[in-house]
Amino acid sequence: MEPFELDARDAWNAGADAFIEFVESGADYNRHHVHGPGLLAVCGDVRGRTALDLGCGHGYFSRLLALAGARVTGVDVADRLIERAVELEAAEPFGITYLRADAAATASHFPPGSFDLVTGCMSLQDVADPGAALVGAAAVLKHGGRAAFSVPHPCTDPPVREWKRDLEGRKLALCLDRY
């Protein structure tokens, strides 16, 4: 294991229960009402497709994909998040497989061309090596497959986002509200 993977793993394990509560309580407005539905729409018709959800956390987006008809594998570096994903899968089975793994090592866990779709819902910005994760995603995609990631952070992409401009149209300030 690389040192940065251990750091990320330790950090996510330490904050896992708070993260799970935030998402499961519905308080994570942007995940539930912006990023999740938006990313699912970008994925298109996933019925019968194989999907890899990188940085799946406790399986929020993996379950959306499965509900839409995909055969899903979710990977995450944090033991506690994968534990919760497995608990949720056992309570309400969707046929999702979960694996504790670093997204940067994706290509070492799956053969080339294994998936029709690779996704990440608000996870790529938290991967220790996003470049390696994207290279791995490309390697495991089937020819003609699709990669779709939702990466804007809610504090920089809130529901109300507008540039204040001067009379010549030059940007003066980015105005944010409701984040």
N, C-alpha and C. Protein backbone atom coordinates (compact mmCIF):
# COMPACT_ATOMS: atom_id res chain seq x y z
N MET A 1 0.83 -1.18 0.00
CA MET A 1 0.00 0.00 0.00
C MET A 1 0.88 1.25 0.00
N GLU A 2 0.55 2.20 -0.85
CA GLU A 2 1.28 3.46 -0.92
C GLU A 2 0.94 4.32 0.30
N PRO A 3 1.88 5.17 0.76
CA PRO A 3 1.60 6.03 1.93
C PRO A 3 0.37 6.91 1.75
N PHE A 4 0.16 7.48 0.53
CA PHE A 4 -1.01 8.35 0.34
C PHE A 4 -2.30 7.56 0.41
N GLU A 5 -2.26 6.27 0.03
CA GLU A 5 -3.47 5.44 0.15
C GLU A 5 -3.77 5.21 1.63
N LEU A 6 -2.73 4.94 2.43
CA LEU A 6 -2.93 4.75 3.87
C LEU A 6 -3.48 6.00 4.52
N ASP A 7 -2.96 7.18 4.13
CA ASP A 7 -3.46 8.44 4.68
C ASP A 7 -4.93 8.63 4.35
N ALA A 8 -5.30 8.42 3.10
CA ALA A 8 -6.69 8.58 2.68
C ALA A 8 -7.58 7.57 3.39
N ARG A 9 -7.09 6.35 3.47
CA ARG A 9 -7.86 5.30 4.13
C ARG A 9 -8.11 5.64 5.60
N ASP A 10 -7.06 6.06 6.29
CA ASP A 10 -7.20 6.43 7.71
C ASP A 10 -8.15 7.61 7.89
N ALA A 11 -8.02 8.61 7.04
CA ALA A 11 -8.87 9.80 7.14
C ALA A 11 -10.34 9.44 6.91
N TRP A 12 -10.62 8.66 5.87
CA TRP A 12 -12.02 8.30 5.59
C TRP A 12 -12.58 7.35 6.64
N ASN A 13 -11.76 6.46 7.17
CA ASN A 13 -12.24 5.60 8.25
C ASN A 13 -12.58 6.42 9.49
N ALA A 14 -11.76 7.43 9.78
CA ALA A 14 -12.00 8.28 10.96
C ALA A 14 -13.29 9.07 10.82
N GLY A 15 -13.60 9.53 9.63
CA GLY A 15 -14.80 10.35 9.43
C GLY A 15 -15.99 9.62 8.86
N ALA A 16 -15.88 8.31 8.71
CA ALA A 16 -16.91 7.53 8.02
C ALA A 16 -18.29 7.65 8.66
N ASP A 17 -18.38 7.52 9.96
CA ASP A 17 -19.70 7.53 10.60
C ASP A 17 -20.39 8.88 10.44
N ALA A 18 -19.64 9.96 10.54
CA ALA A 18 -20.23 11.30 10.34
C ALA A 18 -20.68 11.46 8.89
N PHE A 19 -19.87 10.98 7.95
CA PHE A 19 -20.23 11.05 6.53
C PHE A 19 -21.49 10.24 6.25
N ILE A 20 -21.55 9.03 6.78
CA ILE A 20 -22.72 8.16 6.59
C ILE A 20 -23.97 8.85 7.13
N GLU A 21 -23.89 9.41 8.33
CA GLU A 21 -25.03 10.11 8.93
C GLU A 21 -25.46 11.29 8.07
N PHE A 22 -24.50 12.06 7.57
CA PHE A 22 -24.79 13.22 6.73
C PHE A 22 -25.55 12.82 5.48
N VAL A 23 -25.11 11.77 4.82
CA VAL A 23 -25.77 11.34 3.58
C VAL A 23 -27.10 10.66 3.88
N GLU A 24 -27.10 9.71 4.80
CA GLU A 24 -28.32 8.93 5.07
C GLU A 24 -29.43 9.76 5.71
N SER A 25 -29.08 10.83 6.41
CA SER A 25 -30.10 11.67 7.04
C SER A 25 -30.84 12.54 6.02
N GLY A 26 -30.26 12.65 4.82
CA GLY A 26 -30.83 13.53 3.80
C GLY A 26 -30.27 14.93 3.85
N ALA A 27 -29.38 15.20 4.81
CA ALA A 27 -28.81 16.54 4.95
C ALA A 27 -27.88 16.91 3.79
N ASP A 28 -27.35 15.91 3.11
CA ASP A 28 -26.45 16.16 1.98
C ASP A 28 -27.29 16.52 0.75
N TYR A 29 -27.84 17.72 0.79
CA TYR A 29 -28.75 18.21 -0.25
C TYR A 29 -28.16 18.06 -1.65
N ASN A 30 -26.91 18.50 -1.82
CA ASN A 30 -26.30 18.48 -3.14
C ASN A 30 -26.13 17.06 -3.68
N ARG A 31 -25.83 16.10 -2.84
CA ARG A 31 -25.70 14.72 -3.29
C ARG A 31 -27.07 14.17 -3.72
N HIS A 32 -28.08 14.42 -2.91
CA HIS A 32 -29.41 13.85 -3.16
C HIS A 32 -30.19 14.56 -4.26
N HIS A 33 -29.99 15.86 -4.42
CA HIS A 33 -30.83 16.63 -5.33
C HIS A 33 -30.11 17.22 -6.54
N VAL A 34 -28.77 17.21 -6.52
CA VAL A 34 -28.03 17.78 -7.64
C VAL A 34 -27.13 16.72 -8.26
N HIS A 35 -26.08 16.33 -7.54
CA HIS A 35 -25.07 15.46 -8.12
C HIS A 35 -25.57 14.05 -8.44
N GLY A 36 -26.27 13.41 -7.52
CA GLY A 36 -26.75 12.06 -7.77
C GLY A 36 -27.68 11.99 -8.97
N PRO A 37 -28.78 12.74 -8.96
CA PRO A 37 -29.70 12.70 -10.12
C PRO A 37 -29.04 13.19 -11.41
N GLY A 38 -28.20 14.23 -11.31
CA GLY A 38 -27.54 14.74 -12.51
C GLY A 38 -26.58 13.73 -13.11
N LEU A 39 -25.79 13.09 -12.27
CA LEU A 39 -24.85 12.09 -12.76
C LEU A 39 -25.58 10.89 -13.35
N LEU A 40 -26.65 10.46 -12.70
CA LEU A 40 -27.42 9.34 -13.24
C LEU A 40 -27.98 9.69 -14.62
N ALA A 41 -28.44 10.91 -14.80
CA ALA A 41 -28.95 11.34 -16.10
C ALA A 41 -27.84 11.31 -17.15
N VAL A 42 -26.64 11.74 -16.78
CA VAL A 42 -25.52 11.74 -17.72
C VAL A 42 -25.12 10.31 -18.10
N CYS A 43 -25.31 9.38 -17.20
CA CYS A 43 -24.96 7.98 -17.48
C CYS A 43 -25.85 7.37 -18.57
N GLY A 44 -27.03 7.94 -18.75
CA GLY A 44 -27.94 7.42 -19.77
C GLY A 44 -28.61 6.13 -19.32
N ASP A 45 -29.08 5.37 -20.28
CA ASP A 45 -29.76 4.11 -19.99
C ASP A 45 -28.73 3.07 -19.56
N VAL A 46 -28.77 2.69 -18.30
CA VAL A 46 -27.79 1.74 -17.77
C VAL A 46 -28.34 0.32 -17.63
N ARG A 47 -29.56 0.11 -18.06
CA ARG A 47 -30.17 -1.23 -17.92
C ARG A 47 -29.31 -2.29 -18.60
N GLY A 48 -28.95 -3.30 -17.81
CA GLY A 48 -28.15 -4.41 -18.31
C GLY A 48 -26.67 -4.10 -18.49
N ARG A 49 -26.24 -2.91 -18.15
CA ARG A 49 -24.84 -2.51 -18.30
C ARG A 49 -24.06 -2.86 -17.04
N THR A 50 -22.76 -3.10 -17.21
CA THR A 50 -21.88 -3.31 -16.06
C THR A 50 -21.28 -1.96 -15.69
N ALA A 51 -21.34 -1.63 -14.41
CA ALA A 51 -20.87 -0.32 -13.96
C ALA A 51 -19.91 -0.47 -12.79
N LEU A 52 -18.87 0.33 -12.81
CA LEU A 52 -17.91 0.41 -11.71
C LEU A 52 -18.06 1.79 -11.09
N ASP A 53 -18.36 1.83 -9.80
CA ASP A 53 -18.53 3.08 -9.08
C ASP A 53 -17.29 3.32 -8.22
N LEU A 54 -16.41 4.22 -8.68
CA LEU A 54 -15.16 4.52 -7.97
C LEU A 54 -15.40 5.48 -6.81
N GLY A 55 -14.83 5.16 -5.67
CA GLY A 55 -15.05 6.00 -4.49
C GLY A 55 -16.50 5.93 -4.08
N CYS A 56 -17.03 4.72 -4.04
CA CYS A 56 -18.47 4.51 -3.83
C CYS A 56 -18.94 4.86 -2.43
N GLY A 57 -17.99 5.07 -1.49
CA GLY A 57 -18.41 5.37 -0.13
C GLY A 57 -19.24 4.23 0.43
N HIS A 58 -20.38 4.55 0.99
CA HIS A 58 -21.25 3.52 1.55
C HIS A 58 -22.32 3.08 0.56
N GLY A 59 -22.10 3.39 -0.72
CA GLY A 59 -22.93 2.83 -1.78
C GLY A 59 -24.08 3.68 -2.26
N TYR A 60 -24.13 4.96 -1.91
CA TYR A 60 -25.24 5.81 -2.32
C TYR A 60 -25.47 5.75 -3.83
N PHE A 61 -24.45 6.09 -4.63
CA PHE A 61 -24.64 6.13 -6.08
C PHE A 61 -24.68 4.73 -6.67
N SER A 62 -23.99 3.79 -6.07
CA SER A 62 -24.05 2.39 -6.52
C SER A 62 -25.50 1.90 -6.51
N ARG A 63 -26.23 2.26 -5.44
CA ARG A 63 -27.63 1.83 -5.35
C ARG A 63 -28.49 2.54 -6.39
N LEU A 64 -28.22 3.81 -6.69
CA LEU A 64 -28.97 4.49 -7.75
C LEU A 64 -28.75 3.79 -9.09
N LEU A 65 -27.51 3.44 -9.37
CA LEU A 65 -27.21 2.72 -10.62
C LEU A 65 -27.94 1.38 -10.67
N ALA A 66 -27.90 0.65 -9.56
CA ALA A 66 -28.56 -0.66 -9.52
C ALA A 66 -30.08 -0.52 -9.67
N LEU A 67 -30.65 0.48 -9.03
CA LEU A 67 -32.09 0.72 -9.18
C LEU A 67 -32.47 1.03 -10.62
N ALA A 68 -31.53 1.63 -11.35
CA ALA A 68 -31.76 1.96 -12.76
C ALA A 68 -31.48 0.77 -13.68
N GLY A 69 -31.04 -0.35 -13.11
CA GLY A 69 -30.88 -1.57 -13.89
C GLY A 69 -29.46 -2.00 -14.21
N ALA A 70 -28.45 -1.31 -13.67
CA ALA A 70 -27.06 -1.69 -13.92
C ALA A 70 -26.62 -2.82 -12.99
N ARG A 71 -25.64 -3.57 -13.44
CA ARG A 71 -24.94 -4.55 -12.59
C ARG A 71 -23.71 -3.82 -12.07
N VAL A 72 -23.66 -3.60 -10.75
CA VAL A 72 -22.72 -2.63 -10.18
C VAL A 72 -21.67 -3.29 -9.30
N THR A 73 -20.45 -2.77 -9.44
CA THR A 73 -19.37 -3.04 -8.51
C THR A 73 -18.94 -1.69 -7.95
N GLY A 74 -18.87 -1.59 -6.64
CA GLY A 74 -18.44 -0.35 -6.00
C GLY A 74 -17.12 -0.58 -5.29
N VAL A 75 -16.21 0.38 -5.43
CA VAL A 75 -14.92 0.30 -4.73
C VAL A 75 -14.70 1.57 -3.91
N ASP A 76 -14.10 1.38 -2.75
CA ASP A 76 -13.74 2.52 -1.90
C ASP A 76 -12.56 2.11 -1.05
N VAL A 77 -11.74 3.08 -0.68
CA VAL A 77 -10.54 2.84 0.11
C VAL A 77 -10.86 2.63 1.59
N ALA A 78 -12.00 3.12 2.07
CA ALA A 78 -12.31 3.10 3.51
C ALA A 78 -13.05 1.83 3.92
N ASP A 79 -12.47 1.14 4.87
CA ASP A 79 -13.08 -0.10 5.37
C ASP A 79 -14.48 0.14 5.92
N ARG A 80 -14.63 1.18 6.73
CA ARG A 80 -15.91 1.45 7.38
C ARG A 80 -17.01 1.78 6.36
N LEU A 81 -16.66 2.51 5.31
CA LEU A 81 -17.66 2.84 4.29
C LEU A 81 -18.08 1.58 3.53
N ILE A 82 -17.12 0.73 3.21
CA ILE A 82 -17.46 -0.53 2.53
C ILE A 82 -18.29 -1.42 3.46
N GLU A 83 -17.95 -1.45 4.74
CA GLU A 83 -18.76 -2.21 5.72
C GLU A 83 -20.23 -1.77 5.67
N ARG A 84 -20.44 -0.46 5.68
CA ARG A 84 -21.81 0.07 5.66
C ARG A 84 -22.50 -0.25 4.34
N ALA A 85 -21.77 -0.17 3.24
CA ALA A 85 -22.34 -0.52 1.94
C ALA A 85 -22.80 -1.98 1.94
N VAL A 86 -21.98 -2.86 2.49
CA VAL A 86 -22.33 -4.28 2.57
C VAL A 86 -23.54 -4.49 3.47
N GLU A 87 -23.60 -3.75 4.59
CA GLU A 87 -24.77 -3.83 5.48
C GLU A 87 -26.05 -3.43 4.74
N LEU A 88 -25.98 -2.34 4.01
CA LEU A 88 -27.16 -1.88 3.26
C LEU A 88 -27.55 -2.87 2.17
N GLU A 89 -26.56 -3.45 1.52
CA GLU A 89 -26.82 -4.46 0.48
C GLU A 89 -27.48 -5.70 1.09
N ALA A 90 -27.05 -6.10 2.27
CA ALA A 90 -27.65 -7.26 2.92
C ALA A 90 -29.09 -6.97 3.33
N ALA A 91 -29.36 -5.75 3.78
CA ALA A 91 -30.71 -5.38 4.21
C ALA A 91 -31.67 -5.23 3.04
N GLU A 92 -31.16 -4.73 1.92
CA GLU A 92 -31.98 -4.53 0.72
C GLU A 92 -31.12 -4.87 -0.50
N PRO A 93 -31.10 -6.14 -0.88
CA PRO A 93 -30.18 -6.58 -1.95
C PRO A 93 -30.53 -6.04 -3.34
N PHE A 94 -29.49 -5.48 -3.97
CA PHE A 94 -29.58 -5.03 -5.37
C PHE A 94 -28.61 -5.79 -6.25
N GLY A 95 -27.86 -6.73 -5.67
CA GLY A 95 -26.87 -7.47 -6.43
C GLY A 95 -25.56 -6.72 -6.63
N ILE A 96 -25.30 -5.75 -5.77
CA ILE A 96 -24.08 -4.94 -5.88
C ILE A 96 -22.92 -5.66 -5.19
N THR A 97 -21.77 -5.65 -5.83
CA THR A 97 -20.54 -6.18 -5.24
C THR A 97 -19.71 -5.01 -4.77
N TYR A 98 -19.21 -5.09 -3.54
CA TYR A 98 -18.36 -4.03 -2.99
C TYR A 98 -16.97 -4.57 -2.70
N LEU A 99 -15.96 -3.75 -2.98
CA LEU A 99 -14.56 -4.12 -2.80
C LEU A 99 -13.82 -2.97 -2.14
N ARG A 100 -13.05 -3.26 -1.09
CA ARG A 100 -12.21 -2.24 -0.49
C ARG A 100 -10.94 -2.16 -1.32
N ALA A 101 -10.80 -1.05 -2.05
CA ALA A 101 -9.65 -0.87 -2.91
C ALA A 101 -9.45 0.61 -3.20
N ASP A 102 -8.23 0.97 -3.54
CA ASP A 102 -7.90 2.32 -3.92
C ASP A 102 -8.28 2.53 -5.38
N ALA A 103 -9.00 3.59 -5.67
CA ALA A 103 -9.42 3.88 -7.05
C ALA A 103 -8.23 4.02 -7.98
N ALA A 104 -7.09 4.46 -7.47
CA ALA A 104 -5.89 4.61 -8.29
C ALA A 104 -5.36 3.27 -8.77
N ALA A 105 -5.73 2.18 -8.11
CA ALA A 105 -5.26 0.84 -8.49
C ALA A 105 -6.32 0.06 -9.24
N THR A 106 -7.29 0.74 -9.80
CA THR A 106 -8.41 0.08 -10.48
C THR A 106 -7.96 -0.95 -11.50
N ALA A 107 -7.01 -0.60 -12.33
CA ALA A 107 -6.57 -1.50 -13.40
C ALA A 107 -5.94 -2.78 -12.86
N SER A 108 -5.44 -2.77 -11.63
CA SER A 108 -4.85 -3.99 -11.07
C SER A 108 -5.91 -4.91 -10.45
N HIS A 109 -7.13 -4.42 -10.29
CA HIS A 109 -8.19 -5.23 -9.68
C HIS A 109 -9.14 -5.86 -10.70
N PHE A 110 -9.18 -5.32 -11.91
CA PHE A 110 -10.13 -5.79 -12.91
C PHE A 110 -9.43 -5.93 -14.26
N PRO A 111 -9.83 -6.94 -15.04
CA PRO A 111 -9.23 -7.09 -16.37
C PRO A 111 -9.62 -5.94 -17.30
N PRO A 112 -8.80 -5.68 -18.31
CA PRO A 112 -9.16 -4.65 -19.29
C PRO A 112 -10.53 -4.93 -19.91
N GLY A 113 -11.27 -3.87 -20.14
CA GLY A 113 -12.56 -4.01 -20.81
C GLY A 113 -13.64 -4.70 -19.98
N SER A 114 -13.59 -4.56 -18.67
CA SER A 114 -14.56 -5.23 -17.79
C SER A 114 -15.90 -4.52 -17.65
N PHE A 115 -15.93 -3.20 -17.91
CA PHE A 115 -17.13 -2.43 -17.59
C PHE A 115 -17.61 -1.58 -18.77
N ASP A 116 -18.92 -1.42 -18.84
CA ASP A 116 -19.54 -0.53 -19.82
C ASP A 116 -19.48 0.92 -19.35
N LEU A 117 -19.43 1.10 -18.02
CA LEU A 117 -19.53 2.42 -17.43
C LEU A 117 -18.65 2.50 -16.18
N VAL A 118 -17.93 3.60 -16.02
CA VAL A 118 -17.20 3.88 -14.78
C VAL A 118 -17.69 5.24 -14.29
N THR A 119 -18.08 5.29 -13.02
CA THR A 119 -18.62 6.52 -12.45
C THR A 119 -17.92 6.89 -11.15
N GLY A 120 -18.19 8.09 -10.71
CA GLY A 120 -17.76 8.54 -9.40
C GLY A 120 -18.62 9.75 -9.02
N CYS A 121 -19.45 9.58 -8.02
CA CYS A 121 -20.35 10.66 -7.59
C CYS A 121 -19.70 11.41 -6.42
N MET A 122 -19.17 12.59 -6.73
CA MET A 122 -18.53 13.43 -5.72
C MET A 122 -17.40 12.68 -5.00
N SER A 123 -16.62 11.92 -5.76
CA SER A 123 -15.54 11.17 -5.15
C SER A 123 -14.17 11.48 -5.75
N LEU A 124 -14.10 11.81 -7.01
CA LEU A 124 -12.81 11.98 -7.67
C LEU A 124 -11.96 13.05 -6.99
N GLN A 125 -12.60 14.09 -6.46
CA GLN A 125 -11.84 15.15 -5.79
C GLN A 125 -11.23 14.67 -4.47
N ASP A 126 -11.67 13.53 -3.97
CA ASP A 126 -11.15 13.00 -2.71
C ASP A 126 -10.20 11.82 -2.89
N VAL A 127 -9.96 11.42 -4.12
CA VAL A 127 -9.04 10.32 -4.40
C VAL A 127 -7.61 10.86 -4.30
N ALA A 128 -6.74 10.10 -3.65
CA ALA A 128 -5.36 10.55 -3.44
C ALA A 128 -4.63 10.80 -4.75
N ASP A 129 -4.90 10.01 -5.78
CA ASP A 129 -4.24 10.17 -7.08
C ASP A 129 -5.29 10.11 -8.19
N PRO A 130 -6.00 11.23 -8.43
CA PRO A 130 -7.07 11.21 -9.42
C PRO A 130 -6.60 10.86 -10.83
N GLY A 131 -5.38 11.25 -11.19
CA GLY A 131 -4.86 10.90 -12.51
C GLY A 131 -4.77 9.40 -12.70
N ALA A 132 -4.23 8.71 -11.70
CA ALA A 132 -4.13 7.24 -11.76
C ALA A 132 -5.52 6.61 -11.78
N ALA A 133 -6.46 7.19 -11.05
CA ALA A 133 -7.83 6.66 -11.05
C ALA A 133 -8.44 6.77 -12.44
N LEU A 134 -8.21 7.88 -13.14
CA LEU A 134 -8.76 8.05 -14.48
C LEU A 134 -8.08 7.14 -15.49
N VAL A 135 -6.77 6.94 -15.35
CA VAL A 135 -6.06 6.00 -16.23
C VAL A 135 -6.61 4.59 -16.00
N GLY A 136 -6.81 4.23 -14.73
CA GLY A 136 -7.38 2.91 -14.42
C GLY A 136 -8.79 2.75 -14.95
N ALA A 137 -9.59 3.82 -14.84
CA ALA A 137 -10.95 3.78 -15.36
C ALA A 137 -10.94 3.53 -16.86
N ALA A 138 -10.07 4.22 -17.57
CA ALA A 138 -9.98 4.03 -19.02
C ALA A 138 -9.58 2.59 -19.36
N ALA A 139 -8.69 2.02 -18.56
CA ALA A 139 -8.21 0.66 -18.83
C ALA A 139 -9.30 -0.39 -18.65
N VAL A 140 -10.20 -0.18 -17.70
CA VAL A 140 -11.21 -1.22 -17.44
C VAL A 140 -12.50 -1.02 -18.23
N LEU A 141 -12.58 0.09 -18.98
CA LEU A 141 -13.76 0.32 -19.81
C LEU A 141 -13.72 -0.53 -21.07
N LYS A 142 -14.87 -1.03 -21.47
CA LYS A 142 -15.00 -1.72 -22.76
C LYS A 142 -14.86 -0.69 -23.87
N HIS A 143 -14.50 -1.16 -25.05
CA HIS A 143 -14.44 -0.27 -26.21
C HIS A 143 -15.82 0.37 -26.38
N GLY A 144 -15.85 1.67 -26.47
CA GLY A 144 -17.12 2.38 -26.59
C GLY A 144 -17.79 2.63 -25.25
N GLY A 145 -17.13 2.25 -24.15
CA GLY A 145 -17.69 2.47 -22.82
C GLY A 145 -17.67 3.94 -22.46
N ARG A 146 -18.22 4.22 -21.31
CA ARG A 146 -18.39 5.61 -20.91
C ARG A 146 -17.90 5.82 -19.48
N ALA A 147 -17.25 6.95 -19.25
CA ALA A 147 -16.86 7.36 -17.90
C ALA A 147 -17.62 8.64 -17.59
N ALA A 148 -18.21 8.70 -16.40
CA ALA A 148 -18.99 9.88 -16.00
C ALA A 148 -18.71 10.15 -14.53
N PHE A 149 -18.24 11.37 -14.26
CA PHE A 149 -17.91 11.75 -12.89
C PHE A 149 -18.57 13.08 -12.55
N SER A 150 -19.03 13.19 -11.33
CA SER A 150 -19.55 14.45 -10.81
C SER A 150 -18.50 14.96 -9.83
N VAL A 151 -17.82 16.05 -10.19
CA VAL A 151 -16.70 16.50 -9.36
C VAL A 151 -16.85 17.87 -8.71
N PRO A 152 -17.75 18.74 -9.13
CA PRO A 152 -17.80 20.04 -8.44
C PRO A 152 -18.14 19.87 -6.96
N HIS A 153 -17.47 20.63 -6.15
CA HIS A 153 -17.75 20.59 -4.72
C HIS A 153 -18.94 21.50 -4.43
N PRO A 154 -19.85 21.10 -3.56
CA PRO A 154 -21.05 21.90 -3.30
C PRO A 154 -20.78 23.35 -2.90
N CYS A 155 -19.67 23.63 -2.22
CA CYS A 155 -19.44 25.02 -1.80
C CYS A 155 -19.05 25.91 -2.97
N THR A 156 -18.67 25.34 -4.11
CA THR A 156 -18.34 26.16 -5.28
C THR A 156 -19.36 26.02 -6.40
N ASP A 157 -20.36 25.19 -6.21
CA ASP A 157 -21.37 25.00 -7.24
C ASP A 157 -22.76 24.87 -6.60
N PRO A 158 -23.16 25.90 -5.86
CA PRO A 158 -24.45 25.84 -5.16
C PRO A 158 -25.62 26.11 -6.11
N PRO A 159 -26.84 25.96 -5.62
CA PRO A 159 -28.02 26.20 -6.47
C PRO A 159 -28.07 27.61 -7.05
N VAL A 160 -27.58 28.60 -6.31
CA VAL A 160 -27.56 29.97 -6.81
C VAL A 160 -26.10 30.37 -7.00
N ARG A 161 -25.71 30.57 -8.26
CA ARG A 161 -24.32 30.90 -8.60
C ARG A 161 -24.36 31.85 -9.78
N GLU A 162 -23.85 33.07 -9.58
CA GLU A 162 -23.97 34.07 -10.62
C GLU A 162 -22.76 35.01 -10.59
N TRP A 163 -22.25 35.36 -11.77
CA TRP A 163 -21.16 36.32 -11.85
C TRP A 163 -21.71 37.73 -11.84
N LYS A 164 -21.21 38.55 -10.94
CA LYS A 164 -21.50 39.99 -10.94
C LYS A 164 -20.52 40.61 -11.93
N ARG A 165 -21.04 41.40 -12.89
CA ARG A 165 -20.19 41.96 -13.95
C ARG A 165 -20.27 43.48 -13.97
N ASP A 166 -19.21 44.10 -14.51
CA ASP A 166 -19.23 45.55 -14.66
C ASP A 166 -19.97 45.90 -15.96
N LEU A 167 -20.04 47.19 -16.29
CA LEU A 167 -20.79 47.64 -17.47
C LEU A 167 -20.24 47.07 -18.77
N GLU A 168 -18.95 46.74 -18.80
CA GLU A 168 -18.34 46.14 -20.00
C GLU A 168 -18.48 44.62 -20.03
N GLY A 169 -19.10 44.04 -19.01
CA GLY A 169 -19.29 42.59 -18.96
C GLY A 169 -18.15 41.83 -18.31
N ARG A 170 -17.16 42.52 -17.77
CA ARG A 170 -16.04 41.85 -17.10
C ARG A 170 -16.49 41.32 -15.74
N LYS A 171 -16.02 40.14 -15.41
CA LYS A 171 -16.36 39.52 -14.14
C LYS A 171 -15.75 40.28 -12.98
N LEU A 172 -16.59 40.61 -12.00
CA LEU A 172 -16.12 41.29 -10.79
C LEU A 172 -16.08 40.34 -9.60
N ALA A 173 -17.13 39.54 -9.43
CA ALA A 173 -17.22 38.66 -8.28
C ALA A 173 -18.19 37.52 -8.57
N LEU A 174 -17.88 36.36 -8.02
CA LEU A 174 -18.77 35.22 -8.13
C LEU A 174 -19.67 35.24 -6.90
N CYS A 175 -20.97 35.33 -7.10
CA CYS A 175 -21.94 35.39 -6.02
C CYS A 175 -22.52 34.00 -5.79
N LEU A 176 -22.42 33.52 -4.56
CA LEU A 176 -22.90 32.18 -4.19
C LEU A 176 -23.97 32.32 -3.12
N ASP A 177 -24.96 31.42 -3.16
CA ASP A 177 -26.00 31.41 -2.15
C ASP A 177 -26.54 29.99 -2.01
N ARG A 178 -27.05 29.67 -0.83
CA ARG A 178 -27.69 28.40 -0.51
C ARG A 178 -26.76 27.18 -0.66
N TYR A 179 -25.55 27.30 -0.13
CA TYR A 179 -24.66 26.15 -0.12
C TYR A 179 -24.44 25.65 1.27
